[in-house]
Each structure stands twice: as structure tokens, then as C-alpha cells.
Amino acid sequence: MKRVLMFATLYCPYCMAARQLLKRKGVDFEEISVDDDPSLRQIMIQRSGRHTVPQIFIGDQAIGGYDELAALNRSGELDTLLNPS
């Protein structure tokens, strides 16, 4: 399974939803909290080109936020991204 990285904040409802979706799928993911560290938020912005959380990466690919993650899951593409053959 590819590495999953999520930049997030503790109380963001979209971050919570992304955590739940990933956990339901049994995905181990690394989470970087940008709550109290502007330098980490800046890294997130540089890597993703976006200012909002969550920002989710599978391998080196920027997926986007929760809406994009959920759409990938609904279409079945998320499983393919996580477990390439």
C-alpha cells in the first residue's frame, strides 16, 4: 500500500471526515497537524498549491481534500491508487 499523508487541523469537520473514511478502509496514514505551526502550513501550501485542509497525498500525488478523497472512493479509484498492481 502506498504511503498516505494528510495535512490537517484537529477540529476541521472535513479533516474528521477524511480520517474516518481512511480508517474505515483500514488505511494507515501519517497526519501532520498544521494547527499551531505556520511553517508546516506553508509546506502544505507549497506541496499542494492549496490553502485549505485537509490536503491528502497518496505517494507523491496530491489528491486534494475530503471531497476529492470521497469521490475517488465512490468511483473505486481510491483502491487503485492505494494498491497499484
C-alpha atoms as a PDB file:
ATOM      1  CA  MET A   1       0.000   0.000   0.000  1.00  0.00           C
ATOM      2  CA  LYS A   2       1.286   3.443  -0.882  1.00  0.00           C
ATOM      3  CA  ARG A   3       2.106   5.931   1.851  1.00  0.00           C
ATOM      4  CA  VAL A   4      -0.773   8.260   2.711  1.00  0.00           C
ATOM      5  CA  LEU A   5      -0.047  11.671   4.196  1.00  0.00           C
ATOM      6  CA  MET A   6      -2.675  14.140   5.367  1.00  0.00           C
ATOM      7  CA  PHE A   7      -2.108  17.729   6.431  1.00  0.00           C
ATOM      8  CA  ALA A   8      -4.962  18.588   8.772  1.00  0.00           C
ATOM      9  CA  THR A   9      -6.235  20.500  11.761  1.00  0.00           C
ATOM     10  CA  LEU A  10      -7.730  18.929  14.843  1.00  0.00           C
ATOM     11  CA  TYR A  11     -11.289  20.276  14.675  1.00  0.00           C
ATOM     12  CA  CYS A  12     -11.913  20.725  10.943  1.00  0.00           C
ATOM     13  CA  PRO A  13     -15.048  18.716  10.044  1.00  0.00           C
ATOM     14  CA  TYR A  14     -13.597  17.798   6.640  1.00  0.00           C
ATOM     15  CA  CYS A  15     -10.408  16.565   8.311  1.00  0.00           C
ATOM     16  CA  MET A  16     -12.516  14.456  10.680  1.00  0.00           C
ATOM     17  CA  ALA A  17     -14.464  13.002   7.754  1.00  0.00           C
ATOM     18  CA  ALA A  18     -11.241  12.189   5.873  1.00  0.00           C
ATOM     19  CA  ARG A  19      -9.810  10.457   8.969  1.00  0.00           C
ATOM     20  CA  GLN A  20     -12.972   8.394   9.319  1.00  0.00           C
ATOM     21  CA  LEU A  21     -13.025   7.380   5.654  1.00  0.00           C
ATOM     22  CA  LEU A  22      -9.376   6.317   5.722  1.00  0.00           C
ATOM     23  CA  LYS A  23      -9.815   4.407   8.988  1.00  0.00           C
ATOM     24  CA  ARG A  24     -12.939   2.622   7.666  1.00  0.00           C
ATOM     25  CA  LYS A  25     -10.871   1.470   4.704  1.00  0.00           C
ATOM     26  CA  GLY A  26      -8.106   0.251   7.019  1.00  0.00           C
ATOM     27  CA  VAL A  27      -5.592   2.736   5.634  1.00  0.00           C
ATOM     28  CA  ASP A  28      -2.637   3.611   7.841  1.00  0.00           C
ATOM     29  CA  PHE A  29      -1.845   7.260   7.286  1.00  0.00           C
ATOM     30  CA  GLU A  30       0.538   9.854   8.616  1.00  0.00           C
ATOM     31  CA  GLU A  31      -1.082  13.064   9.784  1.00  0.00           C
ATOM     32  CA  ILE A  32       0.695  16.392  10.036  1.00  0.00           C
ATOM     33  CA  SER A  33      -1.126  18.902  12.198  1.00  0.00           C
ATOM     34  CA  VAL A  34      -0.918  22.452  10.895  1.00  0.00           C
ATOM     35  CA  ASP A  35      -2.914  23.879  13.839  1.00  0.00           C
ATOM     36  CA  ASP A  36      -0.095  25.661  15.616  1.00  0.00           C
ATOM     37  CA  ASP A  37       2.782  25.660  13.157  1.00  0.00           C
ATOM     38  CA  PRO A  38       2.706  28.182  10.297  1.00  0.00           C
ATOM     39  CA  SER A  39       5.835  26.612   8.772  1.00  0.00           C
ATOM     40  CA  LEU A  40       4.031  23.259   8.380  1.00  0.00           C
ATOM     41  CA  ARG A  41       1.054  25.008   6.806  1.00  0.00           C
ATOM     42  CA  GLN A  42       3.474  26.712   4.396  1.00  0.00           C
ATOM     43  CA  ILE A  43       4.950  23.318   3.456  1.00  0.00           C
ATOM     44  CA  MET A  44       1.405  22.050   2.825  1.00  0.00           C
ATOM     45  CA  ILE A  45       0.654  25.033   0.574  1.00  0.00           C
ATOM     46  CA  GLN A  46       3.902  24.596  -1.365  1.00  0.00           C
ATOM     47  CA  ARG A  47       3.287  20.872  -1.910  1.00  0.00           C
ATOM     48  CA  SER A  48      -0.418  21.060  -2.751  1.00  0.00           C
ATOM     49  CA  GLY A  49      -0.892  24.563  -4.103  1.00  0.00           C
ATOM     50  CA  ARG A  50      -3.919  24.875  -1.804  1.00  0.00           C
ATOM     51  CA  HIS A  51      -4.558  26.733   1.453  1.00  0.00           C
ATOM     52  CA  THR A  52      -7.381  24.605   2.861  1.00  0.00           C
ATOM     53  CA  VAL A  53      -7.285  21.472   4.989  1.00  0.00           C
ATOM     54  CA  PRO A  54      -7.202  18.608   4.714  1.00  0.00           C
ATOM     55  CA  GLN A  55      -4.660  18.131   1.963  1.00  0.00           C
ATOM     56  CA  ILE A  56      -4.142  14.458   1.229  1.00  0.00           C
ATOM     57  CA  PHE A  57      -1.280  12.803  -0.633  1.00  0.00           C
ATOM     58  CA  ILE A  58      -1.066   9.208  -1.809  1.00  0.00           C
ATOM     59  CA  GLY A  59       2.547   8.509  -2.578  1.00  0.00           C
ATOM     60  CA  ASP A  60       3.760  11.737  -4.156  1.00  0.00           C
ATOM     61  CA  GLN A  61       0.396  12.508  -5.754  1.00  0.00           C
ATOM     62  CA  ALA A  62      -1.679  15.354  -4.320  1.00  0.00           C
ATOM     63  CA  ILE A  63      -5.262  14.085  -4.095  1.00  0.00           C
ATOM     64  CA  GLY A  64      -6.843  17.256  -2.722  1.00  0.00           C
ATOM     65  CA  GLY A  65      -9.233  17.473   0.195  1.00  0.00           C
ATOM     66  CA  TYR A  66     -12.041  15.388   1.587  1.00  0.00           C
ATOM     67  CA  ASP A  67     -14.394  15.959  -1.341  1.00  0.00           C
ATOM     68  CA  GLU A  68     -11.827  14.611  -3.786  1.00  0.00           C
ATOM     69  CA  LEU A  69     -10.977  11.690  -1.485  1.00  0.00           C
ATOM     70  CA  ALA A  70     -14.654  10.746  -1.151  1.00  0.00           C
ATOM     71  CA  ALA A  71     -15.189  10.997  -4.922  1.00  0.00           C
ATOM     72  CA  LEU A  72     -12.214   8.704  -5.536  1.00  0.00           C
ATOM     73  CA  ASN A  73     -13.651   6.255  -3.018  1.00  0.00           C
ATOM     74  CA  ARG A  74     -17.111   6.285  -4.626  1.00  0.00           C
ATOM     75  CA  SER A  75     -15.654   5.647  -8.072  1.00  0.00           C
ATOM     76  CA  GLY A  76     -13.380   2.822  -6.864  1.00  0.00           C
ATOM     77  CA  GLU A  77     -10.272   4.736  -7.942  1.00  0.00           C
ATOM     78  CA  LEU A  78      -9.075   5.173  -4.358  1.00  0.00           C
ATOM     79  CA  ASP A  79      -8.397   1.441  -4.004  1.00  0.00           C
ATOM     80  CA  THR A  80      -6.401   1.508  -7.251  1.00  0.00           C
ATOM     81  CA  LEU A  81      -4.325   4.466  -6.073  1.00  0.00           C
ATOM     82  CA  LEU A  82      -3.654   2.849  -2.713  1.00  0.00           C
ATOM     83  CA  ASN A  83      -2.813  -0.585  -4.089  1.00  0.00           C
ATOM     84  CA  PRO A  84      -1.394  -0.291  -7.598  1.00  0.00           C
ATOM     85  CA  SER A  85      -0.951  -3.612  -9.358  1.00  0.00           C
END
